[in-house]
Amino acid sequence: MIRIHPLAGVAGVLAAATLAATSAAAQPKSTADGIAEYRKMLEDGNPAELYEAKGEELWKKKRGPKNASLEQCDLGKGPGVVKGAFVELPRYFPDTKRVQDLETRLVTCMETLQGLNGAEIAKTPFGRGEQANVTALATWIAGQSRGMRFNLPNQHPEEKRFYELGKRAFFFQGGTHDFSCATCHASDGKRIRLQDLPNLTKNPGDGVGFAAWPAYRVSNGQMWGMQLRLNDCFRQQRFPFPHFGSDVTIALAMYMGVNAKGAESIAPSIKR
């Protein structure tokens, strides 16, 4: 009769477990998992932090013809209140009688509080002059609501109108390739190159889509706010570039923002 040492069974189990773990580790990772790991490695050194620091400095610094800071800027929650404002924008503002996103609201404050020329800022190319300052300010303000849930107001008639306008713009097809926003972002499971494309017609989940911008783009070393993000989407659709702060950009942001209700903001994030 052959006797088996009691520990032999344990050794066999451990060997089988080791083999299973090794086999699992050998399985190829999905592209999405690889990109997620890549972003995770970069998060600790996200260059967006530099823009946040600059934005905070600009918020408190006295500038412009009126030599004033932006600390009394009303982003929708009262003068000077920053925390929680980002996750409730765009929204309707009674003083301008317009629905505004974060960037256009900042230009309004820079004009009214500091005496800067809002029209000139709007015409300035992204990444230059006061436009670069707007991006830095938006990055810092977004960071003050990191981890909070989006809950855009959608009760005012203008907010409802902009939501419907944004929905129509989202599905409008045109240009040389007959593209629309919906071509890439209206169904689940789509991907372009190595990038998963979120379905923006509904809540795509925490930190996805609308809830991830402003973001630092590693591929070109630039900080992008939502205005530039939408501008580039129009470029990819082969449409003419929209003017900074145009109704269609605010409407699209309103549509995506309302659809993202309940999603956690991770802005400013980092992108490929």
C-alpha atoms as a PDB file:
ATOM      1  CA  MET A   1       0.000   0.000   0.000  1.00  0.00           C
ATOM      2  CA  ILE A   2       1.395   3.383  -0.985  1.00  0.00           C
ATOM      3  CA  ARG A   3       1.143   6.067   1.677  1.00  0.00           C
ATOM      4  CA  ILE A   4       0.809   9.763   0.725  1.00  0.00           C
ATOM      5  CA  HIS A   5       2.273  12.314   3.084  1.00  0.00           C
ATOM      6  CA  PRO A   6      -0.482  14.643   4.450  1.00  0.00           C
ATOM      7  CA  LEU A   7       1.362  17.718   3.196  1.00  0.00           C
ATOM      8  CA  ALA A   8       1.469  16.392  -0.337  1.00  0.00           C
ATOM      9  CA  GLY A   9      -2.174  17.326  -0.907  1.00  0.00           C
ATOM     10  CA  VAL A  10      -1.545  20.860   0.338  1.00  0.00           C
ATOM     11  CA  ALA A  11       1.470  21.168  -1.934  1.00  0.00           C
ATOM     12  CA  GLY A  12      -0.619  20.037  -4.866  1.00  0.00           C
ATOM     13  CA  VAL A  13      -3.282  22.639  -4.156  1.00  0.00           C
ATOM     14  CA  LEU A  14      -0.659  25.375  -3.844  1.00  0.00           C
ATOM     15  CA  ALA A  15       0.971  24.276  -7.086  1.00  0.00           C
ATOM     16  CA  ALA A  16      -2.366  24.347  -8.875  1.00  0.00           C
ATOM     17  CA  ALA A  17      -3.149  27.801  -7.479  1.00  0.00           C
ATOM     18  CA  THR A  18       0.253  29.086  -8.554  1.00  0.00           C
ATOM     19  CA  LEU A  19      -0.261  27.673 -12.040  1.00  0.00           C
ATOM     20  CA  ALA A  20      -3.711  29.297 -12.269  1.00  0.00           C
ATOM     21  CA  ALA A  21      -2.358  32.664 -11.137  1.00  0.00           C
ATOM     22  CA  THR A  22       0.492  32.428 -13.624  1.00  0.00           C
ATOM     23  CA  SER A  23      -1.918  31.586 -16.418  1.00  0.00           C
ATOM     24  CA  ALA A  24      -4.157  34.509 -15.479  1.00  0.00           C
ATOM     25  CA  ALA A  25      -1.189  36.858 -15.430  1.00  0.00           C
ATOM     26  CA  ALA A  26      -0.182  35.626 -18.848  1.00  0.00           C
ATOM     27  CA  GLN A  27      -3.551  36.571 -20.315  1.00  0.00           C
ATOM     28  CA  PRO A  28      -3.242  39.656 -22.517  1.00  0.00           C
ATOM     29  CA  LYS A  29      -4.721  42.833 -21.058  1.00  0.00           C
ATOM     30  CA  SER A  30      -7.446  44.646 -22.919  1.00  0.00           C
ATOM     31  CA  THR A  31      -6.569  47.945 -24.551  1.00  0.00           C
ATOM     32  CA  ALA A  32      -8.897  49.740 -22.145  1.00  0.00           C
ATOM     33  CA  ASP A  33      -7.119  48.180 -19.149  1.00  0.00           C
ATOM     34  CA  GLY A  34      -3.758  49.220 -20.569  1.00  0.00           C
ATOM     35  CA  ILE A  35      -4.861  52.822 -21.061  1.00  0.00           C
ATOM     36  CA  ALA A  36      -6.384  52.878 -17.561  1.00  0.00           C
ATOM     37  CA  GLU A  37      -3.086  51.693 -16.054  1.00  0.00           C
ATOM     38  CA  TYR A  38      -1.184  54.279 -18.114  1.00  0.00           C
ATOM     39  CA  ARG A  39      -3.386  57.080 -16.779  1.00  0.00           C
ATOM     40  CA  LYS A  40      -3.095  55.766 -13.237  1.00  0.00           C
ATOM     41  CA  MET A  41       0.681  55.914 -13.424  1.00  0.00           C
ATOM     42  CA  LEU A  42       0.530  59.530 -14.566  1.00  0.00           C
ATOM     43  CA  GLU A  43      -2.075  60.729 -12.058  1.00  0.00           C
ATOM     44  CA  ASP A  44       0.396  61.434  -9.259  1.00  0.00           C
ATOM     45  CA  GLY A  45       2.328  63.759 -11.546  1.00  0.00           C
ATOM     46  CA  ASN A  46      -0.588  65.175 -13.520  1.00  0.00           C
ATOM     47  CA  PRO A  47       0.642  68.492 -15.004  1.00  0.00           C
ATOM     48  CA  ALA A  48      -2.887  69.804 -14.469  1.00  0.00           C
ATOM     49  CA  GLU A  49      -1.752  70.538 -10.918  1.00  0.00           C
ATOM     50  CA  LEU A  50       0.452  73.327 -12.278  1.00  0.00           C
ATOM     51  CA  TYR A  51      -2.556  74.865 -14.030  1.00  0.00           C
ATOM     52  CA  GLU A  52      -4.595  74.540 -10.841  1.00  0.00           C
ATOM     53  CA  ALA A  53      -1.950  76.454  -8.926  1.00  0.00           C
ATOM     54  CA  LYS A  54      -1.870  79.155 -11.576  1.00  0.00           C
ATOM     55  CA  GLY A  55      -5.660  79.343 -11.602  1.00  0.00           C
ATOM     56  CA  GLU A  56      -5.870  79.825  -7.844  1.00  0.00           C
ATOM     57  CA  GLU A  57      -3.304  82.591  -8.063  1.00  0.00           C
ATOM     58  CA  LEU A  58      -5.226  84.310 -10.862  1.00  0.00           C
ATOM     59  CA  TRP A  59      -8.491  84.046  -8.893  1.00  0.00           C
ATOM     60  CA  LYS A  60      -7.003  85.964  -5.965  1.00  0.00           C
ATOM     61  CA  LYS A  61      -4.770  88.378  -7.883  1.00  0.00           C
ATOM     62  CA  LYS A  62      -5.848  91.968  -8.534  1.00  0.00           C
ATOM     63  CA  ARG A  63      -5.635  92.577 -12.273  1.00  0.00           C
ATOM     64  CA  GLY A  64      -7.087  94.556 -15.146  1.00  0.00           C
ATOM     65  CA  PRO A  65      -8.115  98.218 -15.491  1.00  0.00           C
ATOM     66  CA  LYS A  66     -10.177  97.945 -12.287  1.00  0.00           C
ATOM     67  CA  ASN A  67      -7.287  96.352 -10.343  1.00  0.00           C
ATOM     68  CA  ALA A  68      -9.619  93.777  -8.838  1.00  0.00           C
ATOM     69  CA  SER A  69      -9.528  90.055  -8.120  1.00  0.00           C
ATOM     70  CA  LEU A  70     -12.147  87.494  -9.145  1.00  0.00           C
ATOM     71  CA  GLU A  71     -12.988  86.608  -5.560  1.00  0.00           C
ATOM     72  CA  GLN A  72     -16.465  88.122  -5.900  1.00  0.00           C
ATOM     73  CA  CYS A  73     -17.237  86.257  -9.119  1.00  0.00           C
ATOM     74  CA  ASP A  74     -20.629  84.536  -8.919  1.00  0.00           C
ATOM     75  CA  LEU A  75     -20.420  81.107 -10.535  1.00  0.00           C
ATOM     76  CA  GLY A  76     -23.981  80.268  -9.607  1.00  0.00           C
ATOM     77  CA  LYS A  77     -23.741  79.635  -5.891  1.00  0.00           C
ATOM     78  CA  GLY A  78     -23.165  83.206  -4.764  1.00  0.00           C
ATOM     79  CA  PRO A  79     -20.263  85.680  -4.993  1.00  0.00           C
ATOM     80  CA  GLY A  80     -16.954  83.985  -4.327  1.00  0.00           C
ATOM     81  CA  VAL A  81     -18.363  80.494  -3.767  1.00  0.00           C
ATOM     82  CA  VAL A  82     -16.270  78.026  -5.751  1.00  0.00           C
ATOM     83  CA  LYS A  83     -16.802  74.615  -4.165  1.00  0.00           C
ATOM     84  CA  GLY A  84     -19.625  72.769  -5.891  1.00  0.00           C
ATOM     85  CA  ALA A  85     -20.076  75.363  -8.639  1.00  0.00           C
ATOM     86  CA  PHE A  86     -18.408  73.321 -11.384  1.00  0.00           C
ATOM     87  CA  VAL A  87     -20.785  70.359 -11.105  1.00  0.00           C
ATOM     88  CA  GLU A  88     -23.773  72.683 -11.614  1.00  0.00           C
ATOM     89  CA  LEU A  89     -22.576  74.317 -14.837  1.00  0.00           C
ATOM     90  CA  PRO A  90     -23.741  75.287 -17.446  1.00  0.00           C
ATOM     91  CA  ARG A  91     -26.719  77.122 -15.958  1.00  0.00           C
ATOM     92  CA  TYR A  92     -28.833  80.238 -16.493  1.00  0.00           C
ATOM     93  CA  PHE A  93     -27.540  83.507 -14.999  1.00  0.00           C
ATOM     94  CA  PRO A  94     -30.072  86.315 -14.449  1.00  0.00           C
ATOM     95  CA  ASP A  95     -27.479  89.095 -14.711  1.00  0.00           C
ATOM     96  CA  THR A  96     -26.447  88.154 -18.253  1.00  0.00           C
ATOM     97  CA  LYS A  97     -29.823  86.597 -19.143  1.00  0.00           C
ATOM     98  CA  ARG A  98     -27.863  83.742 -20.705  1.00  0.00           C
ATOM     99  CA  VAL A  99     -27.042  80.115 -20.108  1.00  0.00           C
ATOM    100  CA  GLN A 100     -23.288  80.032 -19.522  1.00  0.00           C
ATOM    101  CA  ASP A 101     -20.662  77.371 -18.976  1.00  0.00           C
ATOM    102  CA  LEU A 102     -17.696  77.797 -16.651  1.00  0.00           C
ATOM    103  CA  GLU A 103     -15.380  79.390 -19.203  1.00  0.00           C
ATOM    104  CA  THR A 104     -17.861  81.942 -20.550  1.00  0.00           C
ATOM    105  CA  ARG A 105     -18.952  82.801 -17.022  1.00  0.00           C
ATOM    106  CA  LEU A 106     -15.320  83.457 -16.110  1.00  0.00           C
ATOM    107  CA  VAL A 107     -14.977  85.829 -19.070  1.00  0.00           C
ATOM    108  CA  THR A 108     -18.070  87.686 -17.821  1.00  0.00           C
ATOM    109  CA  CYS A 109     -16.455  88.092 -14.389  1.00  0.00           C
ATOM    110  CA  MET A 110     -13.132  89.153 -15.892  1.00  0.00           C
ATOM    111  CA  GLU A 111     -15.001  91.830 -17.823  1.00  0.00           C
ATOM    112  CA  THR A 112     -17.350  93.094 -15.107  1.00  0.00           C
ATOM    113  CA  LEU A 113     -15.049  92.810 -12.081  1.00  0.00           C
ATOM    114  CA  GLN A 114     -11.629  93.456 -13.607  1.00  0.00           C
ATOM    115  CA  GLY A 115     -12.502  95.592 -16.615  1.00  0.00           C
ATOM    116  CA  LEU A 116     -10.906  93.259 -19.169  1.00  0.00           C
ATOM    117  CA  ASN A 117     -12.291  93.139 -22.709  1.00  0.00           C
ATOM    118  CA  GLY A 118     -14.497  90.051 -22.929  1.00  0.00           C
ATOM    119  CA  ALA A 119     -14.896  90.248 -26.705  1.00  0.00           C
ATOM    120  CA  GLU A 120     -11.129  90.321 -27.168  1.00  0.00           C
ATOM    121  CA  ILE A 121     -10.679  87.349 -24.840  1.00  0.00           C
ATOM    122  CA  ALA A 122     -13.268  85.404 -26.836  1.00  0.00           C
ATOM    123  CA  LYS A 123     -11.343  86.096 -30.051  1.00  0.00           C
ATOM    124  CA  THR A 124      -7.972  85.097 -28.577  1.00  0.00           C
ATOM    125  CA  PRO A 125      -6.760  81.643 -29.715  1.00  0.00           C
ATOM    126  CA  PHE A 126      -6.774  78.874 -27.120  1.00  0.00           C
ATOM    127  CA  GLY A 127      -3.625  78.694 -25.027  1.00  0.00           C
ATOM    128  CA  ARG A 128      -2.644  82.322 -25.536  1.00  0.00           C
ATOM    129  CA  GLY A 129      -2.965  85.489 -23.488  1.00  0.00           C
ATOM    130  CA  GLU A 130      -6.097  85.744 -21.395  1.00  0.00           C
ATOM    131  CA  GLN A 131      -7.484  82.563 -22.954  1.00  0.00           C
ATOM    132  CA  ALA A 132      -4.659  80.663 -21.262  1.00  0.00           C
ATOM    133  CA  ASN A 133      -5.691  82.340 -18.011  1.00  0.00           C
ATOM    134  CA  VAL A 134      -9.311  81.298 -18.519  1.00  0.00           C
ATOM    135  CA  THR A 135      -8.165  77.686 -18.916  1.00  0.00           C
ATOM    136  CA  ALA A 136      -6.056  77.856 -15.758  1.00  0.00           C
ATOM    137  CA  LEU A 137      -8.939  79.380 -13.795  1.00  0.00           C
ATOM    138  CA  ALA A 138     -11.354  76.729 -15.077  1.00  0.00           C
ATOM    139  CA  THR A 139      -8.878  74.004 -14.116  1.00  0.00           C
ATOM    140  CA  TRP A 140      -8.584  75.255 -10.536  1.00  0.00           C
ATOM    141  CA  ILE A 141     -12.326  75.763 -10.140  1.00  0.00           C
ATOM    142  CA  ALA A 142     -13.051  72.295 -11.505  1.00  0.00           C
ATOM    143  CA  GLY A 143     -10.590  70.841  -9.022  1.00  0.00           C
ATOM    144  CA  GLN A 144     -12.517  72.410  -6.140  1.00  0.00           C
ATOM    145  CA  SER A 145     -15.456  70.124  -6.986  1.00  0.00           C
ATOM    146  CA  ARG A 146     -13.434  66.961  -7.594  1.00  0.00           C
ATOM    147  CA  GLY A 147     -15.293  63.948  -6.249  1.00  0.00           C
ATOM    148  CA  MET A 148     -18.656  65.713  -6.239  1.00  0.00           C
ATOM    149  CA  ARG A 149     -21.636  64.562  -8.316  1.00  0.00           C
ATOM    150  CA  PHE A 150     -22.978  66.439 -11.322  1.00  0.00           C
ATOM    151  CA  ASN A 151     -26.386  67.970 -10.770  1.00  0.00           C
ATOM    152  CA  LEU A 152     -27.030  70.657 -13.375  1.00  0.00           C
ATOM    153  CA  PRO A 153     -30.145  72.781 -12.878  1.00  0.00           C
ATOM    154  CA  ASN A 154     -32.646  72.256 -15.658  1.00  0.00           C
ATOM    155  CA  GLN A 155     -35.765  74.116 -14.555  1.00  0.00           C
ATOM    156  CA  HIS A 156     -35.443  77.572 -16.103  1.00  0.00           C
ATOM    157  CA  PRO A 157     -37.019  77.830 -19.588  1.00  0.00           C
ATOM    158  CA  GLU A 158     -33.666  78.835 -21.072  1.00  0.00           C
ATOM    159  CA  GLU A 159     -31.941  75.834 -19.488  1.00  0.00           C
ATOM    160  CA  LYS A 160     -34.582  73.554 -20.964  1.00  0.00           C
ATOM    161  CA  ARG A 161     -34.274  75.266 -24.341  1.00  0.00           C
ATOM    162  CA  PHE A 162     -30.515  74.896 -24.361  1.00  0.00           C
ATOM    163  CA  TYR A 163     -30.792  71.229 -23.425  1.00  0.00           C
ATOM    164  CA  GLU A 164     -33.079  70.610 -26.401  1.00  0.00           C
ATOM    165  CA  LEU A 165     -30.838  72.690 -28.674  1.00  0.00           C
ATOM    166  CA  GLY A 166     -27.849  70.658 -27.496  1.00  0.00           C
ATOM    167  CA  LYS A 167     -29.697  67.416 -28.186  1.00  0.00           C
ATOM    168  CA  ARG A 168     -30.486  68.526 -31.732  1.00  0.00           C
ATOM    169  CA  ALA A 169     -26.881  69.619 -32.287  1.00  0.00           C
ATOM    170  CA  PHE A 170     -25.616  66.309 -30.895  1.00  0.00           C
ATOM    171  CA  PHE A 171     -27.545  64.311 -33.499  1.00  0.00           C
ATOM    172  CA  PHE A 172     -27.158  66.749 -36.398  1.00  0.00           C
ATOM    173  CA  GLN A 173     -25.236  65.184 -39.286  1.00  0.00           C
ATOM    174  CA  GLY A 174     -23.314  67.225 -41.809  1.00  0.00           C
ATOM    175  CA  GLY A 175     -19.935  68.161 -43.210  1.00  0.00           C
ATOM    176  CA  THR A 176     -17.931  66.295 -45.826  1.00  0.00           C
ATOM    177  CA  HIS A 177     -18.236  62.989 -43.939  1.00  0.00           C
ATOM    178  CA  ASP A 178     -21.854  63.345 -42.772  1.00  0.00           C
ATOM    179  CA  PHE A 179     -20.720  63.027 -39.146  1.00  0.00           C
ATOM    180  CA  SER A 180     -22.447  64.040 -35.934  1.00  0.00           C
ATOM    181  CA  CYS A 181     -21.522  63.851 -32.259  1.00  0.00           C
ATOM    182  CA  ALA A 182     -23.792  60.804 -32.149  1.00  0.00           C
ATOM    183  CA  THR A 183     -21.645  59.034 -34.759  1.00  0.00           C
ATOM    184  CA  CYS A 184     -19.132  58.287 -32.006  1.00  0.00           C
ATOM    185  CA  HIS A 185     -21.030  58.868 -28.770  1.00  0.00           C
ATOM    186  CA  ALA A 186     -24.598  57.563 -29.040  1.00  0.00           C
ATOM    187  CA  SER A 187     -24.179  53.839 -28.394  1.00  0.00           C
ATOM    188  CA  ASP A 188     -22.252  51.502 -26.114  1.00  0.00           C
ATOM    189  CA  GLY A 189     -19.081  49.605 -26.943  1.00  0.00           C
ATOM    190  CA  LYS A 190     -17.590  51.882 -29.594  1.00  0.00           C
ATOM    191  CA  ARG A 191     -13.894  52.624 -29.907  1.00  0.00           C
ATOM    192  CA  ILE A 192     -11.661  54.787 -32.085  1.00  0.00           C
ATOM    193  CA  ARG A 193      -7.964  53.925 -32.329  1.00  0.00           C
ATOM    194  CA  LEU A 194      -7.159  52.804 -28.757  1.00  0.00           C
ATOM    195  CA  GLN A 195      -9.823  54.906 -27.087  1.00  0.00           C
ATOM    196  CA  ASP A 196     -13.153  53.682 -25.748  1.00  0.00           C
ATOM    197  CA  LEU A 197     -15.942  56.092 -26.682  1.00  0.00           C
ATOM    198  CA  PRO A 198     -18.478  56.826 -23.932  1.00  0.00           C
ATOM    199  CA  ASN A 199     -22.178  56.912 -24.706  1.00  0.00           C
ATOM    200  CA  LEU A 200     -23.030  60.541 -23.922  1.00  0.00           C
ATOM    201  CA  THR A 201     -26.765  60.232 -24.508  1.00  0.00           C
ATOM    202  CA  LYS A 202     -27.004  58.881 -20.956  1.00  0.00           C
ATOM    203  CA  ASN A 203     -24.928  58.871 -17.774  1.00  0.00           C
ATOM    204  CA  PRO A 204     -21.734  57.164 -18.968  1.00  0.00           C
ATOM    205  CA  GLY A 205     -20.451  56.616 -15.428  1.00  0.00           C
ATOM    206  CA  ASP A 206     -18.104  58.215 -12.919  1.00  0.00           C
ATOM    207  CA  GLY A 207     -15.278  60.276 -14.365  1.00  0.00           C
ATOM    208  CA  VAL A 208     -16.219  59.533 -17.960  1.00  0.00           C
ATOM    209  CA  GLY A 209     -17.030  61.962 -20.760  1.00  0.00           C
ATOM    210  CA  PHE A 210     -18.288  65.307 -19.490  1.00  0.00           C
ATOM    211  CA  ALA A 211     -17.133  64.455 -15.943  1.00  0.00           C
ATOM    212  CA  ALA A 212     -13.448  64.335 -16.972  1.00  0.00           C
ATOM    213  CA  TRP A 213     -12.882  67.804 -18.467  1.00  0.00           C
ATOM    214  CA  PRO A 214     -10.854  70.055 -18.114  1.00  0.00           C
ATOM    215  CA  ALA A 215      -8.051  67.594 -18.788  1.00  0.00           C
ATOM    216  CA  TYR A 216      -4.344  67.619 -19.548  1.00  0.00           C
ATOM    217  CA  ARG A 217      -3.587  66.110 -22.983  1.00  0.00           C
ATOM    218  CA  VAL A 218      -0.335  64.162 -22.811  1.00  0.00           C
ATOM    219  CA  SER A 219      -0.188  63.789 -26.603  1.00  0.00           C
ATOM    220  CA  ASN A 220       0.218  67.524 -27.187  1.00  0.00           C
ATOM    221  CA  GLY A 221       1.224  68.819 -23.761  1.00  0.00           C
ATOM    222  CA  GLN A 222      -1.795  71.114 -23.445  1.00  0.00           C
ATOM    223  CA  MET A 223      -4.514  71.772 -20.916  1.00  0.00           C
ATOM    224  CA  TRP A 224      -7.956  71.582 -22.512  1.00  0.00           C
ATOM    225  CA  GLY A 225     -11.191  73.022 -21.180  1.00  0.00           C
ATOM    226  CA  MET A 226     -14.587  71.956 -22.506  1.00  0.00           C
ATOM    227  CA  GLN A 227     -14.674  74.782 -25.056  1.00  0.00           C
ATOM    228  CA  LEU A 228     -11.490  73.472 -26.706  1.00  0.00           C
ATOM    229  CA  ARG A 229     -12.661  69.867 -26.363  1.00  0.00           C
ATOM    230  CA  LEU A 230     -15.842  70.699 -28.307  1.00  0.00           C
ATOM    231  CA  ASN A 231     -13.872  72.783 -30.796  1.00  0.00           C
ATOM    232  CA  ASP A 232     -11.750  69.734 -31.590  1.00  0.00           C
ATOM    233  CA  CYS A 233     -14.836  67.542 -31.939  1.00  0.00           C
ATOM    234  CA  PHE A 234     -16.148  69.926 -34.588  1.00  0.00           C
ATOM    235  CA  ARG A 235     -12.784  69.669 -36.330  1.00  0.00           C
ATOM    236  CA  GLN A 236     -13.006  65.890 -36.389  1.00  0.00           C
ATOM    237  CA  GLN A 237     -16.492  66.134 -37.861  1.00  0.00           C
ATOM    238  CA  ARG A 238     -15.064  68.403 -40.582  1.00  0.00           C
ATOM    239  CA  PHE A 239     -17.297  71.255 -39.435  1.00  0.00           C
ATOM    240  CA  PRO A 240     -16.146  74.889 -39.210  1.00  0.00           C
ATOM    241  CA  PHE A 241     -14.796  75.786 -35.787  1.00  0.00           C
ATOM    242  CA  PRO A 242     -17.440  77.343 -33.528  1.00  0.00           C
ATOM    243  CA  HIS A 243     -16.734  80.727 -31.963  1.00  0.00           C
ATOM    244  CA  PHE A 244     -15.650  80.635 -28.329  1.00  0.00           C
ATOM    245  CA  GLY A 245     -18.751  80.659 -26.136  1.00  0.00           C
ATOM    246  CA  SER A 246     -21.177  80.245 -29.022  1.00  0.00           C
ATOM    247  CA  ASP A 247     -24.663  78.998 -28.211  1.00  0.00           C
ATOM    248  CA  VAL A 248     -24.033  75.611 -29.815  1.00  0.00           C
ATOM    249  CA  THR A 249     -21.049  74.878 -27.547  1.00  0.00           C
ATOM    250  CA  ILE A 250     -22.993  75.882 -24.423  1.00  0.00           C
ATOM    251  CA  ALA A 251     -25.994  73.847 -25.579  1.00  0.00           C
ATOM    252  CA  LEU A 252     -23.902  70.733 -26.190  1.00  0.00           C
ATOM    253  CA  ALA A 253     -22.327  71.116 -22.741  1.00  0.00           C
ATOM    254  CA  MET A 254     -25.811  71.515 -21.247  1.00  0.00           C
ATOM    255  CA  TYR A 255     -27.009  68.353 -22.971  1.00  0.00           C
ATOM    256  CA  MET A 256     -24.031  66.277 -21.850  1.00  0.00           C
ATOM    257  CA  GLY A 257     -23.994  67.785 -18.373  1.00  0.00           C
ATOM    258  CA  VAL A 258     -27.658  67.073 -17.657  1.00  0.00           C
ATOM    259  CA  ASN A 259     -27.219  63.539 -19.002  1.00  0.00           C
ATOM    260  CA  ALA A 260     -24.248  63.080 -16.656  1.00  0.00           C
ATOM    261  CA  LYS A 261     -26.372  63.700 -13.554  1.00  0.00           C
ATOM    262  CA  GLY A 262     -25.003  61.697 -10.638  1.00  0.00           C
ATOM    263  CA  ALA A 263     -21.618  61.062 -12.232  1.00  0.00           C
ATOM    264  CA  GLU A 264     -18.551  61.819 -10.112  1.00  0.00           C
ATOM    265  CA  SER A 265     -16.279  64.576 -11.389  1.00  0.00           C
ATOM    266  CA  ILE A 266     -12.595  63.674 -11.662  1.00  0.00           C
ATOM    267  CA  ALA A 267     -11.625  66.946 -13.349  1.00  0.00           C
ATOM    268  CA  PRO A 268      -9.003  68.048 -13.956  1.00  0.00           C
ATOM    269  CA  SER A 269      -8.067  64.651 -15.332  1.00  0.00           C
ATOM    270  CA  ILE A 270      -5.337  63.407 -17.634  1.00  0.00           C
ATOM    271  CA  LYS A 271      -5.871  62.131 -21.172  1.00  0.00           C
ATOM    272  CA  ARG A 272      -3.674  60.476 -23.775  1.00  0.00           C
END
